Amino acid sequence: MTPTVMVVDESRITFLAVKNALGKDGFNVIWAKNEQEAFTLLRREKIDLVFVDVFEGEESLNLIRRIREEFPDTKVAVLSAYVDKDLIINSVRAGAIDYILKPFKLDYLLERVKKIISSAPRLTVSLKKNIEDLEITLKFEDIVRKEIKRSNRTGSRFCVMYVKFEDIMRDYETIKKFFRETDYILPISASEYLFVLTLTGKHGIEAVTKRMKEKLSERFSYTYVCYPDDGKTYEEIILTLKDRMSKPRGNES
């Protein structure tokens, strides 16, 4: 059956852009200018995915909630030009499965929509976990971008460190003692951590990992990147870190 995607947006330009991205791949793309038209169409035919803009704030969030409540098998995603972390988090809380920024590349939108449509009707990961992951990502990005600005202003350096313990780390306080109060600690799972070490270069982070190897009995693997040696933008830092996370060092080496 041909998947149907509805765009709820007062702008026909957005609808035409989505139709251009998805139509050639066999998607049926329909348009609703407002909430009333959207629910008329939802009651008339089976719609697999609804795109909602969130420019109206709470009113848009209520629309997401209402669609999810009345049509639980219909997925909702946000398609918006607004980049606000609270709005993103609140959209996920309201029931949105994805948040895509405008303007978008046609191939990128098609790829994202295919993933959304092919996923199970109900998310396999709890909504709470999605929100927690999103909050961690946004907080981490805020921290790194802030440190980049400070480094550019003062000529200082900073490093981002990833640590994965073989077993669940039992004592969070044990980890904290290896870092300064000015450093940031972000738990990303029961056994994984991200650390942002401010005003620190490679020599400083090697000293930290040496102390951890000497003092911790738990087996762990780790890797790190430092600014500006391993990347001069947030995106470059993340790409390098992800690459190194695939082949981390062990504390036995």
Protein backbone atom coordinates (compact mmCIF):
# COMPACT_ATOMS: atom_id res chain seq x y z
CA MET A 1 0.00 0.00 0.00
CA THR A 2 1.26 3.49 -0.87
CA PRO A 3 2.26 5.39 2.30
CA THR A 4 0.43 8.67 2.83
CA VAL A 5 2.15 11.69 4.36
CA MET A 6 0.23 14.80 5.39
CA VAL A 7 1.84 18.22 5.76
CA VAL A 8 0.05 20.56 8.19
CA ASP A 9 1.44 23.98 7.36
CA GLU A 10 -0.14 27.27 6.31
CA SER A 11 2.59 27.57 3.68
CA ARG A 12 1.98 25.72 0.42
CA ILE A 13 5.71 26.09 -0.28
CA THR A 14 6.54 23.59 2.47
CA PHE A 15 3.95 21.13 1.12
CA LEU A 16 5.37 21.37 -2.41
CA ALA A 17 8.92 20.84 -1.13
CA VAL A 18 7.86 17.70 0.76
CA LYS A 19 5.86 16.45 -2.23
CA ASN A 20 8.88 17.01 -4.47
CA ALA A 21 11.10 15.04 -2.06
CA LEU A 22 8.73 12.11 -1.52
CA GLY A 23 6.43 11.96 -4.54
CA LYS A 24 8.98 10.49 -6.95
CA ASP A 25 9.53 7.61 -4.53
CA GLY A 26 5.87 6.62 -4.52
CA PHE A 27 4.61 8.48 -1.44
CA ASN A 28 1.17 10.07 -1.51
CA VAL A 29 1.63 13.58 -0.07
CA ILE A 30 -1.40 15.65 0.96
CA TRP A 31 -1.77 19.12 2.45
CA ALA A 32 -3.77 20.63 5.30
CA LYS A 33 -3.56 24.38 5.93
CA ASN A 34 -4.75 24.12 9.53
CA GLU A 35 -5.87 21.82 12.33
CA GLN A 36 -9.48 21.62 11.13
CA GLU A 37 -8.47 20.48 7.65
CA ALA A 38 -5.96 18.05 9.16
CA PHE A 39 -8.58 16.21 11.23
CA THR A 40 -11.03 16.13 8.34
CA LEU A 41 -8.40 14.29 6.29
CA LEU A 42 -7.36 12.05 9.20
CA ARG A 43 -10.95 10.86 9.62
CA ARG A 44 -11.36 10.33 5.88
CA GLU A 45 -8.30 8.20 5.07
CA LYS A 46 -5.43 6.30 6.62
CA ILE A 47 -2.43 8.59 7.04
CA ASP A 48 0.91 7.08 7.99
CA LEU A 49 2.80 10.24 8.93
CA VAL A 50 1.85 13.82 9.74
CA PHE A 51 4.33 16.68 9.54
CA VAL A 52 3.56 19.57 11.90
CA ASP A 53 5.28 22.94 12.19
CA VAL A 54 5.65 24.25 15.74
CA PHE A 55 5.76 27.98 15.03
CA GLU A 56 2.58 28.46 17.10
CA GLY A 57 4.20 27.00 20.21
CA GLU A 58 1.74 25.43 22.67
CA GLU A 59 -1.05 25.36 20.10
CA SER A 60 1.14 23.26 17.80
CA LEU A 61 2.12 20.97 20.68
CA ASN A 62 -1.56 20.44 21.48
CA LEU A 63 -2.11 19.45 17.85
CA ILE A 64 0.62 16.80 18.14
CA ARG A 65 -0.94 15.47 21.38
CA ARG A 66 -4.42 15.35 19.87
CA ILE A 67 -3.29 13.47 16.76
CA ARG A 68 -1.42 10.92 18.88
CA GLU A 69 -4.42 10.45 21.19
CA GLU A 70 -7.10 10.14 18.50
CA PHE A 71 -5.01 8.34 15.88
CA PRO A 72 -2.38 6.32 17.77
CA ASP A 73 -1.26 4.42 14.65
CA THR A 74 -0.41 7.66 12.85
CA LYS A 75 3.10 8.94 13.45
CA VAL A 76 3.84 12.63 13.92
CA ALA A 77 7.06 14.46 13.15
CA VAL A 78 8.00 18.12 13.36
CA LEU A 79 9.13 20.00 10.26
CA SER A 80 10.17 23.49 11.33
CA ALA A 81 12.68 26.30 10.93
CA TYR A 82 12.71 26.89 14.69
CA VAL A 83 15.82 25.69 16.54
CA ASP A 84 14.90 25.89 20.21
CA LYS A 85 15.96 23.09 22.54
CA ASP A 86 12.95 23.47 24.87
CA LEU A 87 10.59 23.36 21.91
CA ILE A 88 12.34 20.26 20.54
CA ILE A 89 12.10 18.47 23.89
CA ASN A 90 8.46 19.50 24.38
CA SER A 91 7.63 18.26 20.87
CA VAL A 92 9.03 14.83 21.71
CA ARG A 93 7.12 14.84 24.99
CA ALA A 94 3.94 15.67 23.09
CA GLY A 95 4.46 12.61 20.88
CA ALA A 96 6.61 13.65 17.91
CA ILE A 97 8.85 10.86 16.65
CA ASP A 98 11.33 13.16 14.88
CA TYR A 99 12.29 16.84 14.52
CA ILE A 100 13.50 17.90 11.07
CA LEU A 101 14.74 21.40 10.33
CA LYS A 102 13.77 23.56 7.36
CA PRO A 103 15.23 24.11 4.86
CA PHE A 104 16.08 20.48 4.18
CA LYS A 105 17.79 18.56 1.41
CA LEU A 106 15.33 16.43 -0.56
CA ASP A 107 17.40 13.23 -0.29
CA TYR A 108 17.82 13.76 3.46
CA LEU A 109 14.07 14.17 4.02
CA LEU A 110 13.31 11.07 1.95
CA GLU A 111 15.76 9.00 3.97
CA ARG A 112 14.32 10.19 7.29
CA VAL A 113 10.74 9.56 6.21
CA LYS A 114 11.55 6.03 5.05
CA LYS A 115 13.02 5.25 8.47
CA ILE A 116 9.99 6.69 10.26
CA ILE A 117 7.48 4.84 8.07
CA SER A 118 9.31 1.51 8.34
CA SER A 119 9.62 1.61 12.13
CA ALA A 120 7.11 -0.13 14.38
CA PRO A 121 3.82 1.72 15.00
CA ARG A 122 4.84 2.22 18.60
CA LEU A 123 8.39 3.19 19.44
CA THR A 124 10.40 0.31 20.79
CA VAL A 125 12.29 2.74 23.00
CA SER A 126 10.23 4.46 25.65
CA LEU A 127 9.35 8.12 25.19
CA LYS A 128 11.13 8.87 28.45
CA LYS A 129 14.35 7.40 27.05
CA ASN A 130 13.97 9.44 23.86
CA ILE A 131 13.60 12.62 25.89
CA GLU A 132 16.58 11.80 28.09
CA ASP A 133 18.76 11.08 25.04
CA LEU A 134 17.67 14.31 23.38
CA GLU A 135 18.32 16.37 26.50
CA ILE A 136 21.82 14.89 26.86
CA THR A 137 22.61 15.58 23.19
CA LEU A 138 21.44 19.18 23.38
CA LYS A 139 23.24 19.83 26.67
CA PHE A 140 26.45 18.32 25.29
CA GLU A 141 26.25 20.45 22.14
CA ASP A 142 25.66 23.60 24.20
CA ILE A 143 28.69 22.84 26.36
CA VAL A 144 31.02 22.10 23.45
CA ARG A 145 29.96 25.16 21.46
CA LYS A 146 30.45 27.34 24.55
CA GLU A 147 33.94 25.93 25.09
CA ILE A 148 34.83 26.53 21.43
CA LYS A 149 33.87 30.19 21.82
CA ARG A 150 35.90 30.50 25.02
CA SER A 151 38.91 28.80 23.44
CA ASN A 152 38.77 31.11 20.44
CA ARG A 153 38.52 34.11 22.73
CA THR A 154 41.28 33.16 25.19
CA GLY A 155 43.52 30.83 23.18
CA SER A 156 42.85 27.98 25.62
CA ARG A 157 42.15 24.32 24.83
CA PHE A 158 39.62 21.72 25.94
CA CYS A 159 39.07 17.99 25.42
CA VAL A 160 36.08 15.68 25.14
CA MET A 161 36.51 12.20 26.59
CA TYR A 162 34.33 9.09 26.15
CA VAL A 163 34.56 6.26 28.70
CA LYS A 164 32.76 2.90 28.59
CA PHE A 165 32.98 0.52 31.54
CA GLU A 166 32.79 -3.21 30.93
CA ASP A 167 30.26 -3.48 33.74
CA ILE A 168 27.87 -0.92 35.19
CA MET A 169 29.84 1.64 37.13
CA ARG A 170 28.65 1.21 40.69
CA ASP A 171 29.74 4.50 42.23
CA TYR A 172 29.20 7.76 40.36
CA GLU A 173 31.10 9.65 43.08
CA THR A 174 34.18 7.55 42.33
CA ILE A 175 34.21 8.88 38.78
CA LYS A 176 33.73 12.48 39.85
CA LYS A 177 36.91 12.58 41.94
CA PHE A 178 39.10 12.29 38.84
CA PHE A 179 37.74 15.55 37.45
CA ARG A 180 37.62 19.18 38.49
CA GLU A 181 34.51 21.15 39.38
CA THR A 182 34.93 23.09 36.13
CA ASP A 183 34.70 19.88 34.06
CA TYR A 184 31.39 18.50 32.78
CA ILE A 185 30.20 14.92 33.33
CA LEU A 186 27.35 13.56 31.21
CA PRO A 187 26.19 9.97 31.88
CA ILE A 188 24.84 8.60 28.59
CA SER A 189 24.02 5.10 29.88
CA ALA A 190 24.57 2.99 32.99
CA SER A 191 28.10 2.24 31.84
CA GLU A 192 29.02 5.12 29.48
CA TYR A 193 30.10 8.68 30.17
CA LEU A 194 31.04 11.79 28.22
CA PHE A 195 33.39 14.26 29.87
CA VAL A 196 34.24 17.77 28.74
CA LEU A 197 37.54 18.81 30.33
CA THR A 198 37.86 22.58 30.23
CA LEU A 199 41.19 24.40 29.88
CA THR A 200 42.87 21.07 29.17
CA GLY A 201 45.12 19.80 26.38
CA LYS A 202 46.27 16.29 25.49
CA HIS A 203 48.85 16.16 28.29
CA GLY A 204 46.17 16.98 30.84
CA ILE A 205 43.75 14.35 29.62
CA GLU A 206 46.49 11.71 29.51
CA ALA A 207 47.22 12.51 33.16
CA VAL A 208 43.52 11.95 33.98
CA THR A 209 43.40 8.59 32.18
CA LYS A 210 46.63 7.51 33.88
CA ARG A 211 45.11 8.17 37.33
CA MET A 212 41.94 6.30 36.35
CA LYS A 213 43.97 3.28 35.23
CA GLU A 214 45.91 3.28 38.50
CA LYS A 215 42.97 3.79 40.85
CA LEU A 216 40.01 2.00 39.26
CA SER A 217 39.62 -1.75 39.44
CA GLU A 218 36.80 -1.73 36.86
CA ARG A 219 37.85 -2.50 33.29
CA PHE A 220 37.05 0.30 30.88
CA SER A 221 37.79 1.58 27.40
CA TYR A 222 38.16 5.21 26.45
CA THR A 223 39.00 7.70 23.75
CA TYR A 224 39.14 11.46 23.45
CA VAL A 225 39.42 14.44 21.13
CA CYS A 226 40.93 17.83 21.85
CA TYR A 227 40.18 21.27 20.47
CA PRO A 228 41.54 22.60 18.17
CA ASP A 229 43.94 19.76 17.25
CA ASP A 230 41.22 17.20 16.40
CA GLY A 231 38.60 19.55 14.99
CA LYS A 232 37.92 23.25 14.67
CA THR A 233 34.11 23.11 14.71
CA TYR A 234 31.51 21.23 16.75
CA GLU A 235 30.72 19.03 13.75
CA GLU A 236 34.38 18.14 13.17
CA ILE A 237 34.88 17.29 16.84
CA ILE A 238 31.83 14.99 16.85
CA LEU A 239 32.87 13.20 13.65
CA THR A 240 36.37 12.57 15.01
CA LEU A 241 35.02 11.41 18.37
CA LYS A 242 32.54 9.00 16.75
CA ASP A 243 35.30 7.56 14.59
CA ARG A 244 37.55 7.01 17.60
CA MET A 245 34.70 5.55 19.67
CA SER A 246 34.64 2.62 17.24
CA LYS A 247 38.18 1.67 18.29
CA PRO A 248 38.72 2.90 21.87
CA ARG A 249 41.74 2.18 24.04
CA GLY A 250 41.54 -0.15 27.03
CA ASN A 251 42.78 0.53 30.56
CA GLU A 252 44.95 -2.57 30.33
CA SER A 253 46.98 -1.13 27.44
